[in-house]
Amino acid sequence: MWPISTGGESGHADVHVLHAMGFLRRFYSAPDQRLRSDDVARAATAAGLTHEAVLSFYVGQHAPLRRDNEWHVLTSSGKQWYLDNLAHWVSHSE
């Protein structure tokens, strides 16, 4: 699956995953699971992501996001990563 930077320590990994989930949640909840560039920038800021961190979402064979003209689209890999991690966090919060 898509290689998210974990920072090495377990606590840091959790923080990075939560930031990524907050960012991808905006795509998952959007109509057609896609956003325009200005909405992507707002979502990244709200999730606490740097520009470099956002770029990492577009890299790799299983990148969670892809560009489609003016749209930024959640890929099937990104959707699966989001849902898997959502299930993990929900099960650990009960």
N, C-alpha and C. Protein backbone atom coordinates (compact mmCIF):
# COMPACT_ATOMS: atom_id res chain seq x y z
N MET A 1 0.85 -1.19 0.00
CA MET A 1 0.00 0.00 0.00
C MET A 1 0.88 1.24 0.00
N TRP A 2 0.29 2.34 -0.25
CA TRP A 2 0.94 3.64 -0.35
C TRP A 2 1.83 3.89 0.86
N PRO A 3 3.07 4.31 0.64
CA PRO A 3 4.02 4.47 1.76
C PRO A 3 3.88 5.83 2.45
N ILE A 4 3.15 5.86 3.54
CA ILE A 4 3.05 7.08 4.33
C ILE A 4 4.27 7.19 5.23
N SER A 5 4.80 8.39 5.35
CA SER A 5 5.92 8.63 6.25
C SER A 5 5.44 8.55 7.69
N THR A 6 6.08 7.70 8.47
CA THR A 6 5.61 7.50 9.84
C THR A 6 6.46 8.21 10.88
N GLY A 7 7.59 8.74 10.51
CA GLY A 7 8.42 9.41 11.49
C GLY A 7 9.15 8.46 12.42
N GLY A 8 8.98 7.16 12.26
CA GLY A 8 9.76 6.20 13.02
C GLY A 8 9.10 5.69 14.29
N GLU A 9 8.65 6.55 15.16
CA GLU A 9 8.07 6.12 16.43
C GLU A 9 6.58 5.89 16.28
N SER A 10 6.03 4.99 17.08
CA SER A 10 4.63 4.64 16.99
C SER A 10 3.72 5.85 17.17
N GLY A 11 3.99 6.67 18.15
CA GLY A 11 3.17 7.86 18.38
C GLY A 11 3.19 8.81 17.21
N HIS A 12 4.38 8.96 16.60
CA HIS A 12 4.48 9.82 15.42
C HIS A 12 3.74 9.22 14.24
N ALA A 13 3.79 7.90 14.12
CA ALA A 13 3.08 7.23 13.03
C ALA A 13 1.59 7.52 13.15
N ASP A 14 1.07 7.43 14.36
CA ASP A 14 -0.35 7.70 14.58
C ASP A 14 -0.73 9.11 14.16
N VAL A 15 0.10 10.07 14.48
CA VAL A 15 -0.16 11.46 14.12
C VAL A 15 -0.17 11.63 12.61
N HIS A 16 0.81 11.04 11.92
CA HIS A 16 0.87 11.15 10.47
C HIS A 16 -0.34 10.49 9.81
N VAL A 17 -0.73 9.35 10.31
CA VAL A 17 -1.90 8.66 9.75
C VAL A 17 -3.15 9.50 9.98
N LEU A 18 -3.30 10.08 11.15
CA LEU A 18 -4.48 10.91 11.42
C LEU A 18 -4.52 12.14 10.53
N HIS A 19 -3.37 12.76 10.28
CA HIS A 19 -3.31 13.90 9.35
C HIS A 19 -3.72 13.45 7.95
N ALA A 20 -3.18 12.33 7.50
CA ALA A 20 -3.51 11.81 6.17
C ALA A 20 -5.00 11.47 6.08
N MET A 21 -5.53 10.88 7.12
CA MET A 21 -6.95 10.53 7.11
C MET A 21 -7.83 11.78 7.07
N GLY A 22 -7.44 12.80 7.82
CA GLY A 22 -8.20 14.04 7.80
C GLY A 22 -8.21 14.66 6.41
N PHE A 23 -7.08 14.60 5.73
CA PHE A 23 -6.96 15.13 4.38
C PHE A 23 -7.80 14.30 3.40
N LEU A 24 -7.63 12.99 3.42
CA LEU A 24 -8.35 12.13 2.48
C LEU A 24 -9.85 12.09 2.77
N ARG A 25 -10.24 12.34 4.00
CA ARG A 25 -11.67 12.38 4.33
C ARG A 25 -12.40 13.42 3.48
N ARG A 26 -11.72 14.54 3.20
CA ARG A 26 -12.33 15.59 2.37
C ARG A 26 -12.64 15.05 0.97
N PHE A 27 -11.75 14.24 0.43
CA PHE A 27 -11.97 13.65 -0.89
C PHE A 27 -13.07 12.59 -0.82
N TYR A 28 -12.99 11.75 0.21
CA TYR A 28 -13.97 10.67 0.36
C TYR A 28 -15.39 11.23 0.47
N SER A 29 -15.53 12.35 1.14
CA SER A 29 -16.86 12.95 1.36
C SER A 29 -17.33 13.84 0.21
N ALA A 30 -16.44 14.19 -0.69
CA ALA A 30 -16.78 15.11 -1.79
C ALA A 30 -17.57 14.39 -2.88
N PRO A 31 -18.41 15.14 -3.60
CA PRO A 31 -19.10 14.54 -4.75
C PRO A 31 -18.07 13.97 -5.74
N ASP A 32 -18.31 12.75 -6.19
CA ASP A 32 -17.42 12.04 -7.11
C ASP A 32 -16.02 11.85 -6.53
N GLN A 33 -15.86 12.07 -5.24
CA GLN A 33 -14.58 11.88 -4.53
C GLN A 33 -13.45 12.61 -5.23
N ARG A 34 -13.71 13.89 -5.54
CA ARG A 34 -12.71 14.73 -6.19
C ARG A 34 -12.86 16.17 -5.73
N LEU A 35 -11.74 16.91 -5.77
CA LEU A 35 -11.71 18.31 -5.35
C LEU A 35 -10.94 19.13 -6.38
N ARG A 36 -11.24 20.41 -6.41
CA ARG A 36 -10.46 21.36 -7.22
C ARG A 36 -9.26 21.82 -6.40
N SER A 37 -8.28 22.42 -7.07
CA SER A 37 -7.02 22.80 -6.43
C SER A 37 -7.19 23.68 -5.20
N ASP A 38 -8.08 24.66 -5.25
CA ASP A 38 -8.26 25.54 -4.09
C ASP A 38 -8.84 24.77 -2.90
N ASP A 39 -9.71 23.80 -3.17
CA ASP A 39 -10.25 22.97 -2.09
C ASP A 39 -9.19 22.03 -1.52
N VAL A 40 -8.30 21.55 -2.38
CA VAL A 40 -7.19 20.70 -1.93
C VAL A 40 -6.29 21.49 -0.98
N ALA A 41 -5.99 22.73 -1.35
CA ALA A 41 -5.14 23.57 -0.49
C ALA A 41 -5.81 23.80 0.87
N ARG A 42 -7.10 24.06 0.88
CA ARG A 42 -7.81 24.26 2.15
C ARG A 42 -7.83 22.97 2.98
N ALA A 43 -8.05 21.85 2.32
CA ALA A 43 -8.07 20.56 3.02
C ALA A 43 -6.71 20.24 3.62
N ALA A 44 -5.64 20.54 2.88
CA ALA A 44 -4.28 20.30 3.38
C ALA A 44 -3.99 21.17 4.60
N THR A 45 -4.37 22.43 4.52
CA THR A 45 -4.15 23.34 5.65
C THR A 45 -4.93 22.87 6.87
N ALA A 46 -6.18 22.49 6.67
CA ALA A 46 -7.01 22.01 7.78
C ALA A 46 -6.43 20.74 8.41
N ALA A 47 -5.80 19.90 7.60
CA ALA A 47 -5.21 18.65 8.09
C ALA A 47 -3.81 18.84 8.65
N GLY A 48 -3.25 20.04 8.51
CA GLY A 48 -1.91 20.31 9.03
C GLY A 48 -0.80 19.75 8.16
N LEU A 49 -1.03 19.64 6.86
CA LEU A 49 -0.03 19.06 5.96
C LEU A 49 0.77 20.15 5.25
N THR A 50 2.05 19.88 5.06
CA THR A 50 2.91 20.77 4.28
C THR A 50 2.70 20.50 2.79
N HIS A 51 3.22 21.39 1.97
CA HIS A 51 3.14 21.20 0.52
C HIS A 51 3.84 19.91 0.11
N GLU A 52 5.00 19.64 0.72
CA GLU A 52 5.74 18.42 0.41
C GLU A 52 4.94 17.18 0.79
N ALA A 53 4.26 17.24 1.91
CA ALA A 53 3.44 16.09 2.33
C ALA A 53 2.31 15.86 1.35
N VAL A 54 1.69 16.93 0.87
CA VAL A 54 0.61 16.79 -0.10
C VAL A 54 1.13 16.15 -1.39
N LEU A 55 2.30 16.56 -1.84
CA LEU A 55 2.87 15.98 -3.06
C LEU A 55 3.05 14.47 -2.95
N SER A 56 3.34 13.98 -1.75
CA SER A 56 3.56 12.54 -1.57
C SER A 56 2.30 11.72 -1.83
N PHE A 57 1.14 12.35 -1.79
CA PHE A 57 -0.11 11.64 -2.05
C PHE A 57 -0.28 11.30 -3.53
N TYR A 58 0.57 11.86 -4.40
CA TYR A 58 0.47 11.65 -5.84
C TYR A 58 1.58 10.76 -6.39
N VAL A 59 2.39 10.18 -5.51
CA VAL A 59 3.58 9.44 -5.93
C VAL A 59 3.37 7.94 -5.70
N GLY A 60 3.85 7.16 -6.65
CA GLY A 60 3.86 5.71 -6.48
C GLY A 60 2.76 5.01 -7.26
N GLN A 61 2.96 3.72 -7.38
CA GLN A 61 2.02 2.89 -8.12
C GLN A 61 0.63 2.88 -7.48
N HIS A 62 0.57 2.97 -6.16
CA HIS A 62 -0.70 2.94 -5.45
C HIS A 62 -1.00 4.29 -4.80
N ALA A 63 -0.65 5.36 -5.48
CA ALA A 63 -0.86 6.71 -4.94
C ALA A 63 -2.33 6.91 -4.61
N PRO A 64 -2.62 7.53 -3.47
CA PRO A 64 -4.01 7.73 -3.08
C PRO A 64 -4.74 8.80 -3.90
N LEU A 65 -4.00 9.70 -4.54
CA LEU A 65 -4.61 10.76 -5.33
C LEU A 65 -3.99 10.81 -6.72
N ARG A 66 -4.77 11.31 -7.67
CA ARG A 66 -4.25 11.54 -9.02
C ARG A 66 -4.90 12.81 -9.58
N ARG A 67 -4.22 13.42 -10.53
CA ARG A 67 -4.75 14.61 -11.21
C ARG A 67 -5.56 14.18 -12.42
N ASP A 68 -6.66 14.86 -12.64
CA ASP A 68 -7.48 14.66 -13.83
C ASP A 68 -7.92 16.04 -14.29
N ASN A 69 -7.09 16.66 -15.12
CA ASN A 69 -7.29 18.04 -15.55
C ASN A 69 -7.33 18.95 -14.33
N GLU A 70 -8.43 19.65 -14.10
CA GLU A 70 -8.49 20.58 -12.96
C GLU A 70 -8.89 19.89 -11.66
N TRP A 71 -9.16 18.62 -11.72
CA TRP A 71 -9.60 17.88 -10.54
C TRP A 71 -8.46 17.08 -9.92
N HIS A 72 -8.56 16.88 -8.61
CA HIS A 72 -7.69 15.99 -7.83
C HIS A 72 -8.62 14.89 -7.34
N VAL A 73 -8.34 13.65 -7.72
CA VAL A 73 -9.28 12.55 -7.54
C VAL A 73 -8.73 11.50 -6.58
N LEU A 74 -9.59 11.03 -5.68
CA LEU A 74 -9.24 9.92 -4.79
C LEU A 74 -9.22 8.64 -5.62
N THR A 75 -8.11 7.93 -5.59
CA THR A 75 -7.98 6.68 -6.35
C THR A 75 -8.60 5.52 -5.56
N SER A 76 -8.75 4.39 -6.21
CA SER A 76 -9.28 3.22 -5.50
C SER A 76 -8.32 2.80 -4.38
N SER A 77 -7.01 2.94 -4.60
CA SER A 77 -6.04 2.63 -3.55
C SER A 77 -6.18 3.60 -2.38
N GLY A 78 -6.37 4.87 -2.68
CA GLY A 78 -6.55 5.88 -1.63
C GLY A 78 -7.81 5.63 -0.83
N LYS A 79 -8.87 5.28 -1.53
CA LYS A 79 -10.14 4.99 -0.86
C LYS A 79 -9.99 3.77 0.06
N GLN A 80 -9.33 2.74 -0.44
CA GLN A 80 -9.13 1.53 0.37
C GLN A 80 -8.26 1.83 1.60
N TRP A 81 -7.19 2.61 1.41
CA TRP A 81 -6.33 2.97 2.54
C TRP A 81 -7.12 3.75 3.58
N TYR A 82 -7.93 4.70 3.13
CA TYR A 82 -8.74 5.50 4.05
C TYR A 82 -9.72 4.60 4.82
N LEU A 83 -10.43 3.74 4.12
CA LEU A 83 -11.42 2.88 4.78
C LEU A 83 -10.77 1.88 5.73
N ASP A 84 -9.63 1.32 5.35
CA ASP A 84 -8.92 0.38 6.23
C ASP A 84 -8.48 1.08 7.51
N ASN A 85 -7.94 2.27 7.39
CA ASN A 85 -7.49 2.99 8.57
C ASN A 85 -8.65 3.51 9.40
N LEU A 86 -9.73 3.88 8.77
CA LEU A 86 -10.92 4.30 9.49
C LEU A 86 -11.44 3.14 10.34
N ALA A 87 -11.49 1.96 9.76
CA ALA A 87 -11.94 0.77 10.49
C ALA A 87 -11.01 0.50 11.67
N HIS A 88 -9.71 0.66 11.45
CA HIS A 88 -8.73 0.44 12.52
C HIS A 88 -8.97 1.41 13.67
N TRP A 89 -9.11 2.69 13.37
CA TRP A 89 -9.28 3.69 14.42
C TRP A 89 -10.61 3.54 15.14
N VAL A 90 -11.65 3.18 14.40
CA VAL A 90 -12.97 2.97 15.03
C VAL A 90 -12.90 1.77 15.98
N SER A 91 -12.27 0.68 15.54
CA SER A 91 -12.20 -0.51 16.39
C SER A 91 -11.34 -0.27 17.64
N HIS A 92 -10.36 0.61 17.54
CA HIS A 92 -9.49 0.88 18.69
C HIS A 92 -10.07 1.95 19.63
N SER A 93 -11.12 2.61 19.19
CA SER A 93 -11.72 3.63 20.05
C SER A 93 -12.89 3.09 20.86
N GLU A 94 -13.28 1.84 20.59
CA GLU A 94 -14.41 1.25 21.31
C GLU A 94 -13.98 0.60 22.59
